């Protein structure tokens, strides 16, 4: 059984105490907004949203996602209902042929029992990651976002994310964006709270200057 803490105020306090042992993080944490890591939500709906949002601006993706949700009673998509929709219906909502294929594949894997959300609590992050990337259209980045923001896993370091790379570059004053190996090495002491540290890296990357306090 995989044991994972919920992201409540007590856990956040514990995580910050741990992360503040890193002098670099300790120098920026006080001026950056605290992370908000949720847990729960419908697994299928969350993965559909991730697929729809890929490679689109937030506004365009949001419009398509809303049209997609309107295809289902109470805006709650289910694998079986999605498979009943003809391709033309999904295309009319704004989905590309490729993303329509991805959503069909995702739905089939749920219906056929390949993906079993009820087993996720017993699985490690890596097991879930390997499980999800078997679905067409879901890569490591999407799996990492799912682990962090749907399952609330607290020790995920999304090394493929550009914002995370920029955060590392600023925090460690690197000349170039680091690769995954470099990031894992630099973050070695952050375990088991890499998700929390990553949220601070995103905020840091959005700051104009690592040495300039946020207003």
C-alpha atoms as a PDB file:
ATOM      1  CA  UNK A   1       0.000   0.000   0.000  1.00  0.00           C
ATOM      2  CA  UNK A   2       1.428   3.364  -1.016  1.00  0.00           C
ATOM      3  CA  UNK A   3       1.235   5.832   1.818  1.00  0.00           C
ATOM      4  CA  UNK A   4       0.808   9.492   0.827  1.00  0.00           C
ATOM      5  CA  UNK A   5      -0.033  12.534   2.907  1.00  0.00           C
ATOM      6  CA  UNK A   6      -2.933  14.795   2.079  1.00  0.00           C
ATOM      7  CA  UNK A   7      -2.130  18.384   1.272  1.00  0.00           C
ATOM      8  CA  UNK A   8      -3.534  20.088   4.356  1.00  0.00           C
ATOM      9  CA  UNK A   9      -2.102  22.930   6.427  1.00  0.00           C
ATOM     10  CA  UNK A  10      -0.280  20.520   8.713  1.00  0.00           C
ATOM     11  CA  UNK A  11       1.388  18.771   5.777  1.00  0.00           C
ATOM     12  CA  UNK A  12       2.291  22.088   4.139  1.00  0.00           C
ATOM     13  CA  UNK A  13       3.903  23.265   7.369  1.00  0.00           C
ATOM     14  CA  UNK A  14       5.872  20.019   7.566  1.00  0.00           C
ATOM     15  CA  UNK A  15       6.914  20.330   3.917  1.00  0.00           C
ATOM     16  CA  UNK A  16       8.059  23.922   4.314  1.00  0.00           C
ATOM     17  CA  UNK A  17      10.104  23.038   7.382  1.00  0.00           C
ATOM     18  CA  UNK A  18      11.857  20.394   5.300  1.00  0.00           C
ATOM     19  CA  UNK A  19      12.338  22.524   2.182  1.00  0.00           C
ATOM     20  CA  UNK A  20      13.627  25.505   4.139  1.00  0.00           C
ATOM     21  CA  UNK A  21      16.676  23.422   4.980  1.00  0.00           C
ATOM     22  CA  UNK A  22      17.763  24.206   1.418  1.00  0.00           C
ATOM     23  CA  UNK A  23      19.298  27.673   1.692  1.00  0.00           C
ATOM     24  CA  UNK A  24      18.317  28.620  -1.858  1.00  0.00           C
ATOM     25  CA  UNK A  25      14.675  27.681  -1.415  1.00  0.00           C
ATOM     26  CA  UNK A  26      14.665  29.306   2.009  1.00  0.00           C
ATOM     27  CA  UNK A  27      15.693  32.586   0.385  1.00  0.00           C
ATOM     28  CA  UNK A  28      12.657  32.693  -1.933  1.00  0.00           C
ATOM     29  CA  UNK A  29       9.853  30.823  -0.122  1.00  0.00           C
ATOM     30  CA  UNK A  30       8.908  33.738   2.183  1.00  0.00           C
ATOM     31  CA  UNK A  31       8.136  36.071  -0.716  1.00  0.00           C
ATOM     32  CA  UNK A  32       6.269  33.600  -2.926  1.00  0.00           C
ATOM     33  CA  UNK A  33       2.640  32.564  -2.555  1.00  0.00           C
ATOM     34  CA  UNK A  34       2.067  29.243  -0.832  1.00  0.00           C
ATOM     35  CA  UNK A  35       1.095  26.347  -3.146  1.00  0.00           C
ATOM     36  CA  UNK A  36      -2.428  24.998  -3.369  1.00  0.00           C
ATOM     37  CA  UNK A  37      -2.425  21.298  -4.155  1.00  0.00           C
ATOM     38  CA  UNK A  38      -5.847  19.763  -4.406  1.00  0.00           C
ATOM     39  CA  UNK A  39      -6.694  16.097  -4.247  1.00  0.00           C
ATOM     40  CA  UNK A  40      -9.633  14.239  -5.666  1.00  0.00           C
ATOM     41  CA  UNK A  41     -11.890  14.839  -8.625  1.00  0.00           C
ATOM     42  CA  UNK A  42     -12.987  12.488 -11.359  1.00  0.00           C
ATOM     43  CA  UNK A  43     -10.043  10.683 -12.937  1.00  0.00           C
ATOM     44  CA  UNK A  44     -11.606  10.292 -16.370  1.00  0.00           C
ATOM     45  CA  UNK A  45     -12.769  13.906 -16.564  1.00  0.00           C
ATOM     46  CA  UNK A  46      -9.360  15.166 -15.449  1.00  0.00           C
ATOM     47  CA  UNK A  47      -7.545  13.150 -18.125  1.00  0.00           C
ATOM     48  CA  UNK A  48     -10.004  14.283 -20.808  1.00  0.00           C
ATOM     49  CA  UNK A  49      -9.335  17.874 -19.823  1.00  0.00           C
ATOM     50  CA  UNK A  50      -5.581  17.321 -19.997  1.00  0.00           C
ATOM     51  CA  UNK A  51      -5.852  15.946 -23.522  1.00  0.00           C
ATOM     52  CA  UNK A  52      -8.115  18.766 -24.682  1.00  0.00           C
ATOM     53  CA  UNK A  53      -5.793  21.452 -23.295  1.00  0.00           C
ATOM     54  CA  UNK A  54      -2.658  20.102 -24.977  1.00  0.00           C
ATOM     55  CA  UNK A  55      -0.901  22.551 -27.308  1.00  0.00           C
ATOM     56  CA  UNK A  56      -3.659  25.152 -27.087  1.00  0.00           C
ATOM     57  CA  UNK A  57      -3.898  28.561 -25.459  1.00  0.00           C
ATOM     58  CA  UNK A  58      -5.876  28.609 -22.247  1.00  0.00           C
ATOM     59  CA  UNK A  59      -8.775  30.569 -23.770  1.00  0.00           C
ATOM     60  CA  UNK A  60      -9.149  28.364 -26.846  1.00  0.00           C
ATOM     61  CA  UNK A  61      -8.823  25.176 -24.818  1.00  0.00           C
ATOM     62  CA  UNK A  62     -11.340  26.445 -22.282  1.00  0.00           C
ATOM     63  CA  UNK A  63     -13.917  27.104 -24.999  1.00  0.00           C
ATOM     64  CA  UNK A  64     -13.495  23.648 -26.527  1.00  0.00           C
ATOM     65  CA  UNK A  65     -13.524  21.982 -23.118  1.00  0.00           C
ATOM     66  CA  UNK A  66     -16.800  23.707 -22.222  1.00  0.00           C
ATOM     67  CA  UNK A  67     -18.392  22.561 -25.484  1.00  0.00           C
ATOM     68  CA  UNK A  68     -17.114  19.056 -24.781  1.00  0.00           C
ATOM     69  CA  UNK A  69     -18.672  19.016 -21.315  1.00  0.00           C
ATOM     70  CA  UNK A  70     -22.029  20.115 -22.716  1.00  0.00           C
ATOM     71  CA  UNK A  71     -22.188  16.814 -24.586  1.00  0.00           C
ATOM     72  CA  UNK A  72     -22.779  14.999 -21.291  1.00  0.00           C
ATOM     73  CA  UNK A  73     -25.567  15.111 -18.693  1.00  0.00           C
ATOM     74  CA  UNK A  74     -24.657  17.502 -15.880  1.00  0.00           C
ATOM     75  CA  UNK A  75     -21.354  18.122 -17.727  1.00  0.00           C
ATOM     76  CA  UNK A  76     -19.957  14.867 -16.379  1.00  0.00           C
ATOM     77  CA  UNK A  77     -18.193  12.847 -19.095  1.00  0.00           C
ATOM     78  CA  UNK A  78     -17.984   9.092 -18.713  1.00  0.00           C
ATOM     79  CA  UNK A  79     -16.092   6.573 -20.874  1.00  0.00           C
ATOM     80  CA  UNK A  80     -19.219   4.768 -22.045  1.00  0.00           C
ATOM     81  CA  UNK A  81     -21.069   7.941 -22.966  1.00  0.00           C
ATOM     82  CA  UNK A  82     -18.064   9.317 -24.823  1.00  0.00           C
ATOM     83  CA  UNK A  83     -17.773   6.172 -26.927  1.00  0.00           C
ATOM     84  CA  UNK A  84     -21.412   6.565 -27.947  1.00  0.00           C
ATOM     85  CA  UNK A  85     -20.692   9.956 -29.492  1.00  0.00           C
ATOM     86  CA  UNK A  86     -19.928   9.885 -33.195  1.00  0.00           C
ATOM     87  CA  UNK A  87     -16.662  11.418 -34.318  1.00  0.00           C
ATOM     88  CA  UNK A  88     -18.557  14.241 -36.043  1.00  0.00           C
ATOM     89  CA  UNK A  89     -20.128  15.262 -32.730  1.00  0.00           C
ATOM     90  CA  UNK A  90     -16.750  15.585 -31.022  1.00  0.00           C
ATOM     91  CA  UNK A  91     -15.291  17.367 -34.036  1.00  0.00           C
ATOM     92  CA  UNK A  92     -18.189  19.836 -33.946  1.00  0.00           C
ATOM     93  CA  UNK A  93     -17.198  20.692 -30.382  1.00  0.00           C
ATOM     94  CA  UNK A  94     -13.823  21.807 -31.713  1.00  0.00           C
ATOM     95  CA  UNK A  95     -11.729  18.712 -31.151  1.00  0.00           C
ATOM     96  CA  UNK A  96      -9.170  17.737 -33.773  1.00  0.00           C
ATOM     97  CA  UNK A  97      -9.195  14.291 -35.337  1.00  0.00           C
ATOM     98  CA  UNK A  98      -6.071  13.449 -33.355  1.00  0.00           C
ATOM     99  CA  UNK A  99      -7.523  14.474 -29.992  1.00  0.00           C
ATOM    100  CA  UNK A 100     -10.738  12.669 -30.819  1.00  0.00           C
ATOM    101  CA  UNK A 101      -8.680   9.508 -31.344  1.00  0.00           C
ATOM    102  CA  UNK A 102      -6.942  10.126 -28.015  1.00  0.00           C
ATOM    103  CA  UNK A 103     -10.258  10.496 -26.172  1.00  0.00           C
ATOM    104  CA  UNK A 104     -11.642   7.332 -27.757  1.00  0.00           C
ATOM    105  CA  UNK A 105      -8.514   5.415 -26.753  1.00  0.00           C
ATOM    106  CA  UNK A 106      -8.734   6.763 -23.207  1.00  0.00           C
ATOM    107  CA  UNK A 107     -12.397   5.775 -22.997  1.00  0.00           C
ATOM    108  CA  UNK A 108     -11.753   2.262 -24.278  1.00  0.00           C
ATOM    109  CA  UNK A 109      -8.977   1.726 -21.748  1.00  0.00           C
ATOM    110  CA  UNK A 110     -11.363   2.693 -18.955  1.00  0.00           C
ATOM    111  CA  UNK A 111     -14.199   0.514 -20.258  1.00  0.00           C
ATOM    112  CA  UNK A 112     -11.890  -2.465 -20.824  1.00  0.00           C
ATOM    113  CA  UNK A 113     -10.455  -2.140 -17.327  1.00  0.00           C
ATOM    114  CA  UNK A 114      -6.931  -1.253 -18.380  1.00  0.00           C
ATOM    115  CA  UNK A 115      -7.144   1.900 -16.260  1.00  0.00           C
ATOM    116  CA  UNK A 116      -8.543   1.255 -12.797  1.00  0.00           C
ATOM    117  CA  UNK A 117      -8.551   4.441 -10.692  1.00  0.00           C
ATOM    118  CA  UNK A 118      -9.524   2.464  -7.604  1.00  0.00           C
ATOM    119  CA  UNK A 119      -6.095   0.858  -7.692  1.00  0.00           C
ATOM    120  CA  UNK A 120      -4.175   4.149  -7.796  1.00  0.00           C
ATOM    121  CA  UNK A 121      -3.884   4.428  -3.981  1.00  0.00           C
ATOM    122  CA  UNK A 122      -1.922   1.158  -4.014  1.00  0.00           C
ATOM    123  CA  UNK A 123       0.365   2.240  -6.850  1.00  0.00           C
ATOM    124  CA  UNK A 124       3.582   4.237  -6.766  1.00  0.00           C
ATOM    125  CA  UNK A 125       3.954   7.447  -8.762  1.00  0.00           C
ATOM    126  CA  UNK A 126       6.089   5.666 -11.334  1.00  0.00           C
ATOM    127  CA  UNK A 127       3.598   2.822 -11.707  1.00  0.00           C
ATOM    128  CA  UNK A 128       0.785   5.292 -12.358  1.00  0.00           C
ATOM    129  CA  UNK A 129       2.983   7.261 -14.757  1.00  0.00           C
ATOM    130  CA  UNK A 130       3.816   4.134 -16.779  1.00  0.00           C
ATOM    131  CA  UNK A 131       0.158   3.135 -16.704  1.00  0.00           C
ATOM    132  CA  UNK A 132      -1.084   6.440 -18.099  1.00  0.00           C
ATOM    133  CA  UNK A 133       1.487   6.942 -20.841  1.00  0.00           C
ATOM    134  CA  UNK A 134       0.188   3.751 -22.449  1.00  0.00           C
ATOM    135  CA  UNK A 135      -2.843   5.833 -23.470  1.00  0.00           C
ATOM    136  CA  UNK A 136      -2.553   7.609 -26.812  1.00  0.00           C
ATOM    137  CA  UNK A 137      -1.990  11.305 -26.281  1.00  0.00           C
ATOM    138  CA  UNK A 138      -0.844  11.055 -22.670  1.00  0.00           C
ATOM    139  CA  UNK A 139       2.838  11.640 -22.110  1.00  0.00           C
ATOM    140  CA  UNK A 140       5.014  11.950 -19.045  1.00  0.00           C
ATOM    141  CA  UNK A 141       4.219  15.647 -18.580  1.00  0.00           C
ATOM    142  CA  UNK A 142       0.465  15.024 -18.553  1.00  0.00           C
ATOM    143  CA  UNK A 143       0.921  12.098 -16.180  1.00  0.00           C
ATOM    144  CA  UNK A 144       2.988  14.278 -13.839  1.00  0.00           C
ATOM    145  CA  UNK A 145       0.329  17.014 -13.807  1.00  0.00           C
ATOM    146  CA  UNK A 146      -2.285  14.371 -13.044  1.00  0.00           C
ATOM    147  CA  UNK A 147      -0.221  12.977 -10.185  1.00  0.00           C
ATOM    148  CA  UNK A 148       0.256  16.436  -8.718  1.00  0.00           C
ATOM    149  CA  UNK A 149      -3.098  18.116  -9.184  1.00  0.00           C
ATOM    150  CA  UNK A 150      -5.635  15.267  -9.306  1.00  0.00           C
ATOM    151  CA  UNK A 151      -4.101  12.642  -7.032  1.00  0.00           C
ATOM    152  CA  UNK A 152      -2.312  15.155  -4.817  1.00  0.00           C
ATOM    153  CA  UNK A 153       0.974  13.236  -4.818  1.00  0.00           C
ATOM    154  CA  UNK A 154       3.562  15.321  -2.981  1.00  0.00           C
ATOM    155  CA  UNK A 155       6.868  14.084  -4.382  1.00  0.00           C
ATOM    156  CA  UNK A 156       6.617  14.743  -8.122  1.00  0.00           C
ATOM    157  CA  UNK A 157       9.305  16.670  -9.999  1.00  0.00           C
ATOM    158  CA  UNK A 158       8.028  17.409 -13.550  1.00  0.00           C
ATOM    159  CA  UNK A 159      11.385  17.720 -15.293  1.00  0.00           C
ATOM    160  CA  UNK A 160       9.807  18.081 -18.746  1.00  0.00           C
ATOM    161  CA  UNK A 161       8.022  21.295 -17.785  1.00  0.00           C
ATOM    162  CA  UNK A 162       9.561  24.492 -19.188  1.00  0.00           C
ATOM    163  CA  UNK A 163       8.481  26.568 -16.188  1.00  0.00           C
ATOM    164  CA  UNK A 164      10.215  24.148 -13.839  1.00  0.00           C
ATOM    165  CA  UNK A 165      13.393  24.348 -15.913  1.00  0.00           C
ATOM    166  CA  UNK A 166      13.268  28.147 -15.799  1.00  0.00           C
ATOM    167  CA  UNK A 167      12.701  28.010 -12.048  1.00  0.00           C
ATOM    168  CA  UNK A 168      15.775  25.838 -11.568  1.00  0.00           C
ATOM    169  CA  UNK A 169      17.820  28.166 -13.750  1.00  0.00           C
ATOM    170  CA  UNK A 170      16.854  31.175 -11.645  1.00  0.00           C
ATOM    171  CA  UNK A 171      17.134  29.483  -8.273  1.00  0.00           C
ATOM    172  CA  UNK A 172      20.565  28.014  -8.917  1.00  0.00           C
ATOM    173  CA  UNK A 173      21.780  30.851 -11.185  1.00  0.00           C
ATOM    174  CA  UNK A 174      22.514  28.453 -14.037  1.00  0.00           C
ATOM    175  CA  UNK A 175      23.730  29.678 -17.418  1.00  0.00           C
ATOM    176  CA  UNK A 176      21.457  27.304 -19.325  1.00  0.00           C
ATOM    177  CA  UNK A 177      18.222  25.444 -18.738  1.00  0.00           C
ATOM    178  CA  UNK A 178      19.067  22.186 -16.941  1.00  0.00           C
ATOM    179  CA  UNK A 179      18.288  18.706 -18.197  1.00  0.00           C
ATOM    180  CA  UNK A 180      16.407  16.092 -16.180  1.00  0.00           C
ATOM    181  CA  UNK A 181      19.543  14.542 -14.698  1.00  0.00           C
ATOM    182  CA  UNK A 182      20.776  17.915 -13.471  1.00  0.00           C
ATOM    183  CA  UNK A 183      17.413  18.791 -11.953  1.00  0.00           C
ATOM    184  CA  UNK A 184      17.107  15.466 -10.155  1.00  0.00           C
ATOM    185  CA  UNK A 185      20.559  15.981  -8.692  1.00  0.00           C
ATOM    186  CA  UNK A 186      19.841  19.535  -7.549  1.00  0.00           C
ATOM    187  CA  UNK A 187      16.519  18.486  -6.026  1.00  0.00           C
ATOM    188  CA  UNK A 188      17.914  15.476  -4.179  1.00  0.00           C
ATOM    189  CA  UNK A 189      17.326  16.997  -0.748  1.00  0.00           C
ATOM    190  CA  UNK A 190      13.784  18.108  -1.548  1.00  0.00           C
ATOM    191  CA  UNK A 191      12.283  14.622  -1.335  1.00  0.00           C
ATOM    192  CA  UNK A 192       9.609  13.740  -0.253  1.00  0.00           C
ATOM    193  CA  UNK A 193       8.116  17.158  -1.092  1.00  0.00           C
ATOM    194  CA  UNK A 194       9.203  17.819  -4.673  1.00  0.00           C
ATOM    195  CA  UNK A 195       5.650  18.747  -5.670  1.00  0.00           C
ATOM    196  CA  UNK A 196       5.659  21.596  -3.157  1.00  0.00           C
ATOM    197  CA  UNK A 197       9.109  22.724  -4.267  1.00  0.00           C
ATOM    198  CA  UNK A 198       7.941  22.601  -7.895  1.00  0.00           C
ATOM    199  CA  UNK A 199       5.079  24.966  -7.135  1.00  0.00           C
ATOM    200  CA  UNK A 200       7.590  27.468  -5.795  1.00  0.00           C
ATOM    201  CA  UNK A 201       9.749  27.001  -8.892  1.00  0.00           C
ATOM    202  CA  UNK A 202       6.760  27.876 -11.090  1.00  0.00           C
ATOM    203  CA  UNK A 203       6.135  31.016  -9.066  1.00  0.00           C
ATOM    204  CA  UNK A 204       9.813  31.877  -9.206  1.00  0.00           C
ATOM    205  CA  UNK A 205       9.879  31.427 -12.979  1.00  0.00           C
ATOM    206  CA  UNK A 206       6.972  33.869 -13.267  1.00  0.00           C
ATOM    207  CA  UNK A 207       8.847  36.487 -11.300  1.00  0.00           C
ATOM    208  CA  UNK A 208      10.741  38.989 -13.384  1.00  0.00           C
ATOM    209  CA  UNK A 209      13.922  38.630 -11.365  1.00  0.00           C
ATOM    210  CA  UNK A 210      15.009  36.085  -8.763  1.00  0.00           C
ATOM    211  CA  UNK A 211      16.453  38.884  -6.647  1.00  0.00           C
ATOM    212  CA  UNK A 212      13.387  41.113  -6.836  1.00  0.00           C
ATOM    213  CA  UNK A 213      10.798  40.628  -4.081  1.00  0.00           C
ATOM    214  CA  UNK A 214       7.275  40.073  -5.334  1.00  0.00           C
ATOM    215  CA  UNK A 215       4.773  42.832  -4.685  1.00  0.00           C
END
